[in-house]
Amino acid sequence: MTRNFVIITSFISFIAFSGLSGCEKQPDTSTICINNPELCSDLHADSWCRYEKGDLIRKRYKLKFTESPSGKQIYQQLLNLEKYNQCIELAAGVQHILHPERTNDRIRAFGLSAQSLAQLQDTTKNSQDLYLAFYHWTRFNDMEAEKVVLAAHKAHQIDDILLLSQIASYFQKFDAYQSNLIYLEVLDISDEDNFNPDWLLGLSNNYQKLNDLELTYLLSRANVLMTKRHVSEEKMLALIYGDKTLQSLLDRQAEELVDVIEDGEFSTSAIKTILLRSPPTR
């Protein structure tokens, strides 16, 4: 995998520079663009999409000095290009009355970033790299890419929380028990910083399919505690047939679940044993 394979942008003809060693502090984006104009020439000039543009520039700068970029780095480049392209597409539709040239600059940047994204997507198609296969599976429903990801999971080669959660969601459609086991792997490596409360809803839906309404309630309550979203307490209680004594117990367990997830201690917690109790229904 070469650097030319990675940095596919509107400066597609840009040839890889010689690598640098060491861990120097990365300069700010303005300095990066002044000293490396080829990294920024296809981007817009004004302050719209500041964060998306900044992330893209910093990733490009890092890749410029990466001799053999990993699939994960290329995957991140794809995500950064997507975010920038989506943002600048909206910005390109905003007409600047006093400075129409700014609108034109955004339109130009949108066209170039869309081209860059399409080129990188095309170049990474059919890759056997786990992250790139994951990208093409989730973005384009690529069945061959799906096989790569699922084979890696079957071989216990995946420990990335995002990939595992996506696989859990995939199994949720036809095998609730298997999906639960993978979601529990996700919880094992979760903490306050990397956790998505929607995963609790995935688990809750699975337990409902498995006819375990107590755990359906427990996980729904944990999601509510983490998201502060509004729910119908009447419908929540109806899940457990109005048993308020049981509700009090499950509410305490939901609080415990939230605590151990946020502390990164789910894998060794007592609550994990409770969530493992439901057998599959056939």
C-alpha atoms as a PDB file:
ATOM      1  CA  MET A   1       0.000   0.000   0.000  1.00  0.00           C
ATOM      2  CA  THR A   2       1.729   3.190  -1.122  1.00  0.00           C
ATOM      3  CA  ARG A   3       1.241   6.779  -0.179  1.00  0.00           C
ATOM      4  CA  ASN A   4       0.011   7.600  -3.663  1.00  0.00           C
ATOM      5  CA  PHE A   5      -2.786   5.097  -2.993  1.00  0.00           C
ATOM      6  CA  VAL A   6      -3.786   7.051   0.102  1.00  0.00           C
ATOM      7  CA  ILE A   7      -3.688  10.745  -0.647  1.00  0.00           C
ATOM      8  CA  ILE A   8      -6.114  10.755  -3.550  1.00  0.00           C
ATOM      9  CA  THR A   9      -7.442  14.290  -3.672  1.00  0.00           C
ATOM     10  CA  SER A  10      -7.686  16.926  -6.343  1.00  0.00           C
ATOM     11  CA  PHE A  11      -3.898  17.016  -6.165  1.00  0.00           C
ATOM     12  CA  ILE A  12      -3.980  13.388  -7.295  1.00  0.00           C
ATOM     13  CA  SER A  13      -0.725  13.713  -9.182  1.00  0.00           C
ATOM     14  CA  PHE A  14       1.112  14.715  -6.034  1.00  0.00           C
ATOM     15  CA  ILE A  15       4.023  12.315  -5.508  1.00  0.00           C
ATOM     16  CA  ALA A  16       4.913  11.047  -2.056  1.00  0.00           C
ATOM     17  CA  PHE A  17       7.449  13.102  -0.205  1.00  0.00           C
ATOM     18  CA  SER A  18      10.347  11.647   1.690  1.00  0.00           C
ATOM     19  CA  GLY A  19       9.340  10.534   5.180  1.00  0.00           C
ATOM     20  CA  LEU A  20      10.225  12.330   8.348  1.00  0.00           C
ATOM     21  CA  SER A  21      11.129  10.700  11.625  1.00  0.00           C
ATOM     22  CA  GLY A  22      10.391  11.793  15.140  1.00  0.00           C
ATOM     23  CA  CYS A  23       7.278  13.114  16.840  1.00  0.00           C
ATOM     24  CA  GLU A  24       7.347  16.836  16.200  1.00  0.00           C
ATOM     25  CA  LYS A  25       4.361  18.882  17.274  1.00  0.00           C
ATOM     26  CA  GLN A  26       1.980  19.381  14.376  1.00  0.00           C
ATOM     27  CA  PRO A  27       1.722  23.027  13.219  1.00  0.00           C
ATOM     28  CA  ASP A  28      -1.602  24.844  12.951  1.00  0.00           C
ATOM     29  CA  THR A  29      -3.570  24.544   9.743  1.00  0.00           C
ATOM     30  CA  SER A  30      -2.624  27.999   8.460  1.00  0.00           C
ATOM     31  CA  THR A  31       1.051  27.153   8.744  1.00  0.00           C
ATOM     32  CA  ILE A  32       0.457  23.761   7.143  1.00  0.00           C
ATOM     33  CA  CYS A  33      -1.210  25.400   4.138  1.00  0.00           C
ATOM     34  CA  ILE A  34       1.486  28.057   3.752  1.00  0.00           C
ATOM     35  CA  ASN A  35       4.284  25.495   3.810  1.00  0.00           C
ATOM     36  CA  ASN A  36       2.381  22.744   1.968  1.00  0.00           C
ATOM     37  CA  PRO A  37       0.042  24.479  -0.496  1.00  0.00           C
ATOM     38  CA  GLU A  38      -0.656  21.232  -2.354  1.00  0.00           C
ATOM     39  CA  LEU A  39      -2.517  19.987   0.743  1.00  0.00           C
ATOM     40  CA  CYS A  40      -4.955  22.898   0.712  1.00  0.00           C
ATOM     41  CA  SER A  41      -5.226  24.175  -2.864  1.00  0.00           C
ATOM     42  CA  ASP A  42      -8.473  22.291  -3.528  1.00  0.00           C
ATOM     43  CA  LEU A  43     -10.172  23.568  -0.355  1.00  0.00           C
ATOM     44  CA  HIS A  44     -12.220  26.731   0.106  1.00  0.00           C
ATOM     45  CA  ALA A  45     -10.691  29.849   1.645  1.00  0.00           C
ATOM     46  CA  ASP A  46     -13.293  31.354   3.985  1.00  0.00           C
ATOM     47  CA  SER A  47     -14.346  30.313   7.490  1.00  0.00           C
ATOM     48  CA  TRP A  48     -17.211  27.979   6.564  1.00  0.00           C
ATOM     49  CA  CYS A  49     -16.773  24.341   7.620  1.00  0.00           C
ATOM     50  CA  ARG A  50     -13.830  25.333   9.781  1.00  0.00           C
ATOM     51  CA  TYR A  51     -13.672  22.144  11.816  1.00  0.00           C
ATOM     52  CA  GLU A  52     -14.203  19.794   8.890  1.00  0.00           C
ATOM     53  CA  LYS A  53     -11.563  21.568   6.850  1.00  0.00           C
ATOM     54  CA  GLY A  54      -9.132  21.667   9.753  1.00  0.00           C
ATOM     55  CA  ASP A  55      -9.468  17.941  10.441  1.00  0.00           C
ATOM     56  CA  LEU A  56      -8.955  17.150   6.770  1.00  0.00           C
ATOM     57  CA  ILE A  57      -5.842  19.321   6.527  1.00  0.00           C
ATOM     58  CA  ARG A  58      -4.288  17.822   9.647  1.00  0.00           C
ATOM     59  CA  LYS A  59      -4.933  14.265   8.438  1.00  0.00           C
ATOM     60  CA  ARG A  60      -3.478  15.077   5.030  1.00  0.00           C
ATOM     61  CA  TYR A  61      -0.404  16.553   6.662  1.00  0.00           C
ATOM     62  CA  LYS A  62       0.133  13.465   8.766  1.00  0.00           C
ATOM     63  CA  LEU A  63      -0.332  11.158   5.785  1.00  0.00           C
ATOM     64  CA  LYS A  64       2.162  13.158   3.774  1.00  0.00           C
ATOM     65  CA  PHE A  65       4.892  11.882   6.056  1.00  0.00           C
ATOM     66  CA  THR A  66       3.571   8.357   6.543  1.00  0.00           C
ATOM     67  CA  GLU A  67       5.618   5.870   4.552  1.00  0.00           C
ATOM     68  CA  SER A  68       3.131   2.988   4.675  1.00  0.00           C
ATOM     69  CA  PRO A  69      -0.293   4.208   5.802  1.00  0.00           C
ATOM     70  CA  SER A  70      -2.544   1.641   7.385  1.00  0.00           C
ATOM     71  CA  GLY A  71      -6.024   0.758   6.236  1.00  0.00           C
ATOM     72  CA  LYS A  72      -7.350   2.459   9.343  1.00  0.00           C
ATOM     73  CA  GLN A  73      -5.614   5.711   8.376  1.00  0.00           C
ATOM     74  CA  ILE A  74      -7.050   5.530   4.874  1.00  0.00           C
ATOM     75  CA  TYR A  75     -10.469   4.796   6.362  1.00  0.00           C
ATOM     76  CA  GLN A  76     -10.155   7.917   8.501  1.00  0.00           C
ATOM     77  CA  GLN A  77      -9.175   9.913   5.417  1.00  0.00           C
ATOM     78  CA  LEU A  78     -12.366   8.722   3.732  1.00  0.00           C
ATOM     79  CA  LEU A  79     -14.417   9.831   6.732  1.00  0.00           C
ATOM     80  CA  ASN A  80     -12.735  13.239   6.812  1.00  0.00           C
ATOM     81  CA  LEU A  81     -13.366  13.736   3.109  1.00  0.00           C
ATOM     82  CA  GLU A  82     -16.997  12.740   3.557  1.00  0.00           C
ATOM     83  CA  LYS A  83     -17.541  15.199   6.388  1.00  0.00           C
ATOM     84  CA  TYR A  84     -15.853  18.032   4.523  1.00  0.00           C
ATOM     85  CA  ASN A  85     -17.748  17.287   1.313  1.00  0.00           C
ATOM     86  CA  GLN A  86     -21.104  17.183   3.083  1.00  0.00           C
ATOM     87  CA  CYS A  87     -20.428  20.447   4.875  1.00  0.00           C
ATOM     88  CA  ILE A  88     -19.105  22.347   1.872  1.00  0.00           C
ATOM     89  CA  GLU A  89     -22.041  21.132  -0.228  1.00  0.00           C
ATOM     90  CA  LEU A  90     -24.378  22.980   2.134  1.00  0.00           C
ATOM     91  CA  ALA A  91     -22.101  26.016   2.238  1.00  0.00           C
ATOM     92  CA  ALA A  92     -21.955  26.119  -1.549  1.00  0.00           C
ATOM     93  CA  GLY A  93     -25.696  26.724  -1.594  1.00  0.00           C
ATOM     94  CA  VAL A  94     -25.396  29.886   0.505  1.00  0.00           C
ATOM     95  CA  GLN A  95     -25.143  32.966  -1.708  1.00  0.00           C
ATOM     96  CA  HIS A  96     -22.770  35.676  -0.484  1.00  0.00           C
ATOM     97  CA  ILE A  97     -24.277  38.960  -1.703  1.00  0.00           C
ATOM     98  CA  LEU A  98     -21.296  41.245  -1.043  1.00  0.00           C
ATOM     99  CA  HIS A  99     -18.628  38.723  -2.072  1.00  0.00           C
ATOM    100  CA  PRO A 100     -20.009  36.329  -4.709  1.00  0.00           C
ATOM    101  CA  GLU A 101     -16.493  35.060  -5.327  1.00  0.00           C
ATOM    102  CA  ARG A 102     -16.671  33.308  -1.950  1.00  0.00           C
ATOM    103  CA  THR A 103     -19.714  31.362  -3.079  1.00  0.00           C
ATOM    104  CA  ASN A 104     -17.905  30.422  -6.272  1.00  0.00           C
ATOM    105  CA  ASP A 105     -14.913  29.274  -4.235  1.00  0.00           C
ATOM    106  CA  ARG A 106     -17.113  26.998  -2.147  1.00  0.00           C
ATOM    107  CA  ILE A 107     -18.763  25.572  -5.271  1.00  0.00           C
ATOM    108  CA  ARG A 108     -15.307  24.859  -6.686  1.00  0.00           C
ATOM    109  CA  ALA A 109     -14.230  23.194  -3.415  1.00  0.00           C
ATOM    110  CA  PHE A 110     -17.368  21.076  -3.349  1.00  0.00           C
ATOM    111  CA  GLY A 111     -16.750  19.802  -6.862  1.00  0.00           C
ATOM    112  CA  LEU A 112     -13.118  18.994  -6.165  1.00  0.00           C
ATOM    113  CA  SER A 113     -13.806  17.295  -2.842  1.00  0.00           C
ATOM    114  CA  ALA A 114     -16.587  15.210  -4.389  1.00  0.00           C
ATOM    115  CA  GLN A 115     -14.154  14.130  -7.095  1.00  0.00           C
ATOM    116  CA  SER A 116     -11.470  13.349  -4.528  1.00  0.00           C
ATOM    117  CA  LEU A 117     -13.870  11.290  -2.443  1.00  0.00           C
ATOM    118  CA  ALA A 118     -15.091   9.334  -5.465  1.00  0.00           C
ATOM    119  CA  GLN A 119     -11.501   8.628  -6.510  1.00  0.00           C
ATOM    120  CA  LEU A 120     -10.509   7.366  -3.088  1.00  0.00           C
ATOM    121  CA  GLN A 121     -13.650   5.248  -2.837  1.00  0.00           C
ATOM    122  CA  ASP A 122     -12.930   3.726  -6.231  1.00  0.00           C
ATOM    123  CA  THR A 123      -9.273   3.078  -5.403  1.00  0.00           C
ATOM    124  CA  THR A 124     -10.113   1.298  -2.137  1.00  0.00           C
ATOM    125  CA  LYS A 125     -12.849  -0.863  -3.602  1.00  0.00           C
ATOM    126  CA  ASN A 126     -12.205  -4.618  -3.283  1.00  0.00           C
ATOM    127  CA  SER A 127      -9.557  -4.038  -0.618  1.00  0.00           C
ATOM    128  CA  GLN A 128      -9.020  -6.942   1.759  1.00  0.00           C
ATOM    129  CA  ASP A 129      -8.076  -4.549   4.555  1.00  0.00           C
ATOM    130  CA  LEU A 130     -10.552  -4.815   7.410  1.00  0.00           C
ATOM    131  CA  TYR A 131     -11.249  -1.089   7.775  1.00  0.00           C
ATOM    132  CA  LEU A 132     -11.581  -0.442   4.061  1.00  0.00           C
ATOM    133  CA  ALA A 133     -13.826  -3.469   3.650  1.00  0.00           C
ATOM    134  CA  PHE A 134     -15.899  -2.175   6.560  1.00  0.00           C
ATOM    135  CA  TYR A 135     -16.212   1.196   4.827  1.00  0.00           C
ATOM    136  CA  HIS A 136     -17.426  -0.301   1.557  1.00  0.00           C
ATOM    137  CA  TRP A 137     -19.799  -2.669   3.342  1.00  0.00           C
ATOM    138  CA  THR A 138     -21.449   0.048   5.418  1.00  0.00           C
ATOM    139  CA  ARG A 139     -21.467   2.726   2.698  1.00  0.00           C
ATOM    140  CA  PHE A 140     -22.325   0.705  -0.390  1.00  0.00           C
ATOM    141  CA  ASN A 141     -23.686  -2.585   0.963  1.00  0.00           C
ATOM    142  CA  ASP A 142     -20.785  -4.332  -0.778  1.00  0.00           C
ATOM    143  CA  MET A 143     -21.359  -8.052  -0.206  1.00  0.00           C
ATOM    144  CA  GLU A 144     -17.750  -9.048  -0.852  1.00  0.00           C
ATOM    145  CA  ALA A 145     -16.589  -6.457   1.655  1.00  0.00           C
ATOM    146  CA  GLU A 146     -19.143  -7.805   4.123  1.00  0.00           C
ATOM    147  CA  LYS A 147     -17.595 -11.264   3.798  1.00  0.00           C
ATOM    148  CA  VAL A 148     -14.159  -9.850   4.656  1.00  0.00           C
ATOM    149  CA  VAL A 149     -15.459  -8.198   7.824  1.00  0.00           C
ATOM    150  CA  LEU A 150     -17.554 -11.142   9.010  1.00  0.00           C
ATOM    151  CA  ALA A 151     -14.695 -13.582   8.358  1.00  0.00           C
ATOM    152  CA  ALA A 152     -12.394 -11.415  10.464  1.00  0.00           C
ATOM    153  CA  HIS A 153     -14.944 -11.379  13.259  1.00  0.00           C
ATOM    154  CA  LYS A 154     -15.385 -15.146  13.111  1.00  0.00           C
ATOM    155  CA  ALA A 155     -11.613 -15.479  13.429  1.00  0.00           C
ATOM    156  CA  HIS A 156     -11.664 -13.178  16.522  1.00  0.00           C
ATOM    157  CA  GLN A 157      -9.570 -10.562  14.732  1.00  0.00           C
ATOM    158  CA  ILE A 158     -11.715  -7.515  15.519  1.00  0.00           C
ATOM    159  CA  ASP A 159     -11.364  -5.451  18.670  1.00  0.00           C
ATOM    160  CA  ASP A 160     -12.451  -2.091  17.303  1.00  0.00           C
ATOM    161  CA  ILE A 161     -15.574  -0.924  19.124  1.00  0.00           C
ATOM    162  CA  LEU A 162     -17.129   0.757  16.081  1.00  0.00           C
ATOM    163  CA  LEU A 163     -16.706  -2.302  13.883  1.00  0.00           C
ATOM    164  CA  LEU A 164     -18.020  -4.630  16.570  1.00  0.00           C
ATOM    165  CA  SER A 165     -21.108  -2.496  17.133  1.00  0.00           C
ATOM    166  CA  GLN A 166     -21.846  -2.506  13.418  1.00  0.00           C
ATOM    167  CA  ILE A 167     -21.547  -6.302  13.294  1.00  0.00           C
ATOM    168  CA  ALA A 168     -23.870  -6.551  16.309  1.00  0.00           C
ATOM    169  CA  SER A 169     -26.384  -4.383  14.469  1.00  0.00           C
ATOM    170  CA  TYR A 170     -26.066  -6.620  11.408  1.00  0.00           C
ATOM    171  CA  PHE A 171     -26.873  -9.781  13.388  1.00  0.00           C
ATOM    172  CA  GLN A 172     -29.765  -8.023  15.096  1.00  0.00           C
ATOM    173  CA  LYS A 173     -31.832  -8.493  11.931  1.00  0.00           C
ATOM    174  CA  PHE A 174     -31.878 -12.285  12.097  1.00  0.00           C
ATOM    175  CA  ASP A 175     -30.090 -13.608  15.212  1.00  0.00           C
ATOM    176  CA  ALA A 176     -30.886 -11.659  18.365  1.00  0.00           C
ATOM    177  CA  TYR A 177     -28.848 -13.946  20.612  1.00  0.00           C
ATOM    178  CA  GLN A 178     -25.700 -13.686  18.503  1.00  0.00           C
ATOM    179  CA  SER A 179     -26.204  -9.944  18.274  1.00  0.00           C
ATOM    180  CA  ASN A 180     -26.399  -9.751  22.067  1.00  0.00           C
ATOM    181  CA  LEU A 181     -23.137 -11.616  22.502  1.00  0.00           C
ATOM    182  CA  ILE A 182     -21.398  -9.131  20.219  1.00  0.00           C
ATOM    183  CA  TYR A 183     -23.010  -6.144  21.918  1.00  0.00           C
ATOM    184  CA  LEU A 184     -21.679  -7.517  25.216  1.00  0.00           C
ATOM    185  CA  GLU A 185     -18.200  -7.602  23.633  1.00  0.00           C
ATOM    186  CA  VAL A 186     -18.762  -3.937  22.808  1.00  0.00           C
ATOM    187  CA  LEU A 187     -19.682  -3.182  26.421  1.00  0.00           C
ATOM    188  CA  ASP A 188     -16.550  -5.008  27.571  1.00  0.00           C
ATOM    189  CA  ILE A 189     -14.353  -2.410  25.849  1.00  0.00           C
ATOM    190  CA  SER A 190     -16.588   0.595  26.496  1.00  0.00           C
ATOM    191  CA  ASP A 191     -16.049   3.594  28.707  1.00  0.00           C
ATOM    192  CA  GLU A 192     -17.588   7.032  29.118  1.00  0.00           C
ATOM    193  CA  ASP A 193     -15.655   8.446  26.138  1.00  0.00           C
ATOM    194  CA  ASN A 194     -16.326   5.842  23.471  1.00  0.00           C
ATOM    195  CA  PHE A 195     -19.793   4.559  24.372  1.00  0.00           C
ATOM    196  CA  ASN A 196     -22.898   5.124  22.261  1.00  0.00           C
ATOM    197  CA  PRO A 197     -26.116   4.788  24.318  1.00  0.00           C
ATOM    198  CA  ASP A 198     -27.938   3.560  21.220  1.00  0.00           C
ATOM    199  CA  TRP A 199     -26.138   0.257  21.730  1.00  0.00           C
ATOM    200  CA  LEU A 200     -28.250  -0.218  24.839  1.00  0.00           C
ATOM    201  CA  LEU A 201     -31.345   0.106  22.692  1.00  0.00           C
ATOM    202  CA  GLY A 202     -29.942  -2.521  20.349  1.00  0.00           C
ATOM    203  CA  LEU A 203     -29.550  -4.876  23.291  1.00  0.00           C
ATOM    204  CA  SER A 204     -32.989  -3.979  24.609  1.00  0.00           C
ATOM    205  CA  ASN A 205     -34.630  -4.756  21.279  1.00  0.00           C
ATOM    206  CA  ASN A 206     -32.828  -8.083  21.147  1.00  0.00           C
ATOM    207  CA  TYR A 207     -33.998  -9.089  24.616  1.00  0.00           C
ATOM    208  CA  GLN A 208     -37.537  -8.157  23.656  1.00  0.00           C
ATOM    209  CA  LYS A 209     -37.272 -10.547  20.693  1.00  0.00           C
ATOM    210  CA  LEU A 210     -35.997 -13.185  23.136  1.00  0.00           C
ATOM    211  CA  ASN A 211     -39.013 -12.551  25.382  1.00  0.00           C
ATOM    212  CA  ASP A 212     -36.943 -11.316  28.320  1.00  0.00           C
ATOM    213  CA  LEU A 213     -38.953  -8.230  29.215  1.00  0.00           C
ATOM    214  CA  GLU A 214     -37.103  -7.583  32.460  1.00  0.00           C
ATOM    215  CA  LEU A 215     -33.826  -7.053  30.608  1.00  0.00           C
ATOM    216  CA  THR A 216     -35.694  -5.141  27.913  1.00  0.00           C
ATOM    217  CA  TYR A 217     -36.813  -2.758  30.647  1.00  0.00           C
ATOM    218  CA  LEU A 218     -33.402  -2.628  32.365  1.00  0.00           C
ATOM    219  CA  LEU A 219     -31.544  -1.681  29.188  1.00  0.00           C
ATOM    220  CA  SER A 220     -34.166   0.823  28.094  1.00  0.00           C
ATOM    221  CA  ARG A 221     -33.906   2.466  31.519  1.00  0.00           C
ATOM    222  CA  ALA A 222     -30.106   2.590  31.278  1.00  0.00           C
ATOM    223  CA  ASN A 223     -30.427   4.290  27.900  1.00  0.00           C
ATOM    224  CA  VAL A 224     -32.798   6.863  29.387  1.00  0.00           C
ATOM    225  CA  LEU A 225     -30.377   7.528  32.232  1.00  0.00           C
ATOM    226  CA  MET A 226     -27.515   8.131  29.800  1.00  0.00           C
ATOM    227  CA  THR A 227     -29.418  10.212  27.252  1.00  0.00           C
ATOM    228  CA  LYS A 228     -31.943  12.043  29.476  1.00  0.00           C
ATOM    229  CA  ARG A 229     -34.511  11.445  26.740  1.00  0.00           C
ATOM    230  CA  HIS A 230     -38.216  11.548  27.506  1.00  0.00           C
ATOM    231  CA  VAL A 231     -40.096   8.253  27.703  1.00  0.00           C
ATOM    232  CA  SER A 232     -43.567   7.191  28.706  1.00  0.00           C
ATOM    233  CA  GLU A 233     -43.212   5.838  32.223  1.00  0.00           C
ATOM    234  CA  GLU A 234     -46.579   4.192  31.825  1.00  0.00           C
ATOM    235  CA  LYS A 235     -45.360   2.190  28.832  1.00  0.00           C
ATOM    236  CA  MET A 236     -42.090   1.379  30.585  1.00  0.00           C
ATOM    237  CA  LEU A 237     -43.949  -0.045  33.564  1.00  0.00           C
ATOM    238  CA  ALA A 238     -46.270  -1.975  31.253  1.00  0.00           C
ATOM    239  CA  LEU A 239     -43.228  -3.892  29.955  1.00  0.00           C
ATOM    240  CA  ILE A 240     -43.024  -5.628  33.329  1.00  0.00           C
ATOM    241  CA  TYR A 241     -46.773  -5.874  33.812  1.00  0.00           C
ATOM    242  CA  GLY A 242     -46.979  -3.019  36.293  1.00  0.00           C
ATOM    243  CA  ASP A 243     -44.773  -4.693  38.924  1.00  0.00           C
ATOM    244  CA  LYS A 244     -43.423  -1.686  40.840  1.00  0.00           C
ATOM    245  CA  THR A 245     -41.330  -3.781  43.215  1.00  0.00           C
ATOM    246  CA  LEU A 246     -39.553  -5.299  40.233  1.00  0.00           C
ATOM    247  CA  GLN A 247     -39.287  -1.847  38.701  1.00  0.00           C
ATOM    248  CA  SER A 248     -37.353  -0.569  41.710  1.00  0.00           C
ATOM    249  CA  LEU A 249     -34.897  -3.462  41.431  1.00  0.00           C
ATOM    250  CA  LEU A 250     -34.426  -3.004  37.692  1.00  0.00           C
ATOM    251  CA  ASP A 251     -33.956   0.752  38.081  1.00  0.00           C
ATOM    252  CA  ARG A 252     -31.130   0.132  40.559  1.00  0.00           C
ATOM    253  CA  GLN A 253     -29.552  -2.379  38.189  1.00  0.00           C
ATOM    254  CA  ALA A 254     -29.830   0.114  35.328  1.00  0.00           C
ATOM    255  CA  GLU A 255     -27.983   2.700  37.417  1.00  0.00           C
ATOM    256  CA  GLU A 256     -25.322   0.108  38.179  1.00  0.00           C
ATOM    257  CA  LEU A 257     -24.991  -0.686  34.478  1.00  0.00           C
ATOM    258  CA  VAL A 258     -24.503   2.986  33.596  1.00  0.00           C
ATOM    259  CA  ASP A 259     -21.865   3.341  36.331  1.00  0.00           C
ATOM    260  CA  VAL A 260     -19.799   0.347  35.243  1.00  0.00           C
ATOM    261  CA  ILE A 261     -19.956   1.373  31.577  1.00  0.00           C
ATOM    262  CA  GLU A 262     -18.799   4.909  32.334  1.00  0.00           C
ATOM    263  CA  ASP A 263     -16.022   3.580  34.565  1.00  0.00           C
ATOM    264  CA  GLY A 264     -14.917   1.050  31.941  1.00  0.00           C
ATOM    265  CA  GLU A 265     -15.567  -1.829  34.356  1.00  0.00           C
ATOM    266  CA  PHE A 266     -18.388  -3.701  32.645  1.00  0.00           C
ATOM    267  CA  SER A 267     -16.278  -6.741  31.756  1.00  0.00           C
ATOM    268  CA  THR A 268     -15.749  -7.633  35.436  1.00  0.00           C
ATOM    269  CA  SER A 269     -19.104  -6.497  36.787  1.00  0.00           C
ATOM    270  CA  ALA A 270     -21.937  -8.477  38.327  1.00  0.00           C
ATOM    271  CA  ILE A 271     -24.411  -6.840  35.968  1.00  0.00           C
ATOM    272  CA  LYS A 272     -22.694  -8.545  33.019  1.00  0.00           C
ATOM    273  CA  THR A 273     -23.677 -11.932  34.456  1.00  0.00           C
ATOM    274  CA  ILE A 274     -27.300 -10.807  34.532  1.00  0.00           C
ATOM    275  CA  LEU A 275     -27.184  -9.741  30.880  1.00  0.00           C
ATOM    276  CA  LEU A 276     -25.737 -13.087  29.869  1.00  0.00           C
ATOM    277  CA  ARG A 277     -28.580 -15.106  31.337  1.00  0.00           C
ATOM    278  CA  SER A 278     -31.055 -15.254  28.434  1.00  0.00           C
ATOM    279  CA  PRO A 279     -30.819 -18.334  26.222  1.00  0.00           C
ATOM    280  CA  PRO A 280     -31.709 -18.016  22.546  1.00  0.00           C
ATOM    281  CA  THR A 281     -35.228 -18.822  21.535  1.00  0.00           C
ATOM    282  CA  ARG A 282     -35.687 -21.181  18.623  1.00  0.00           C
END
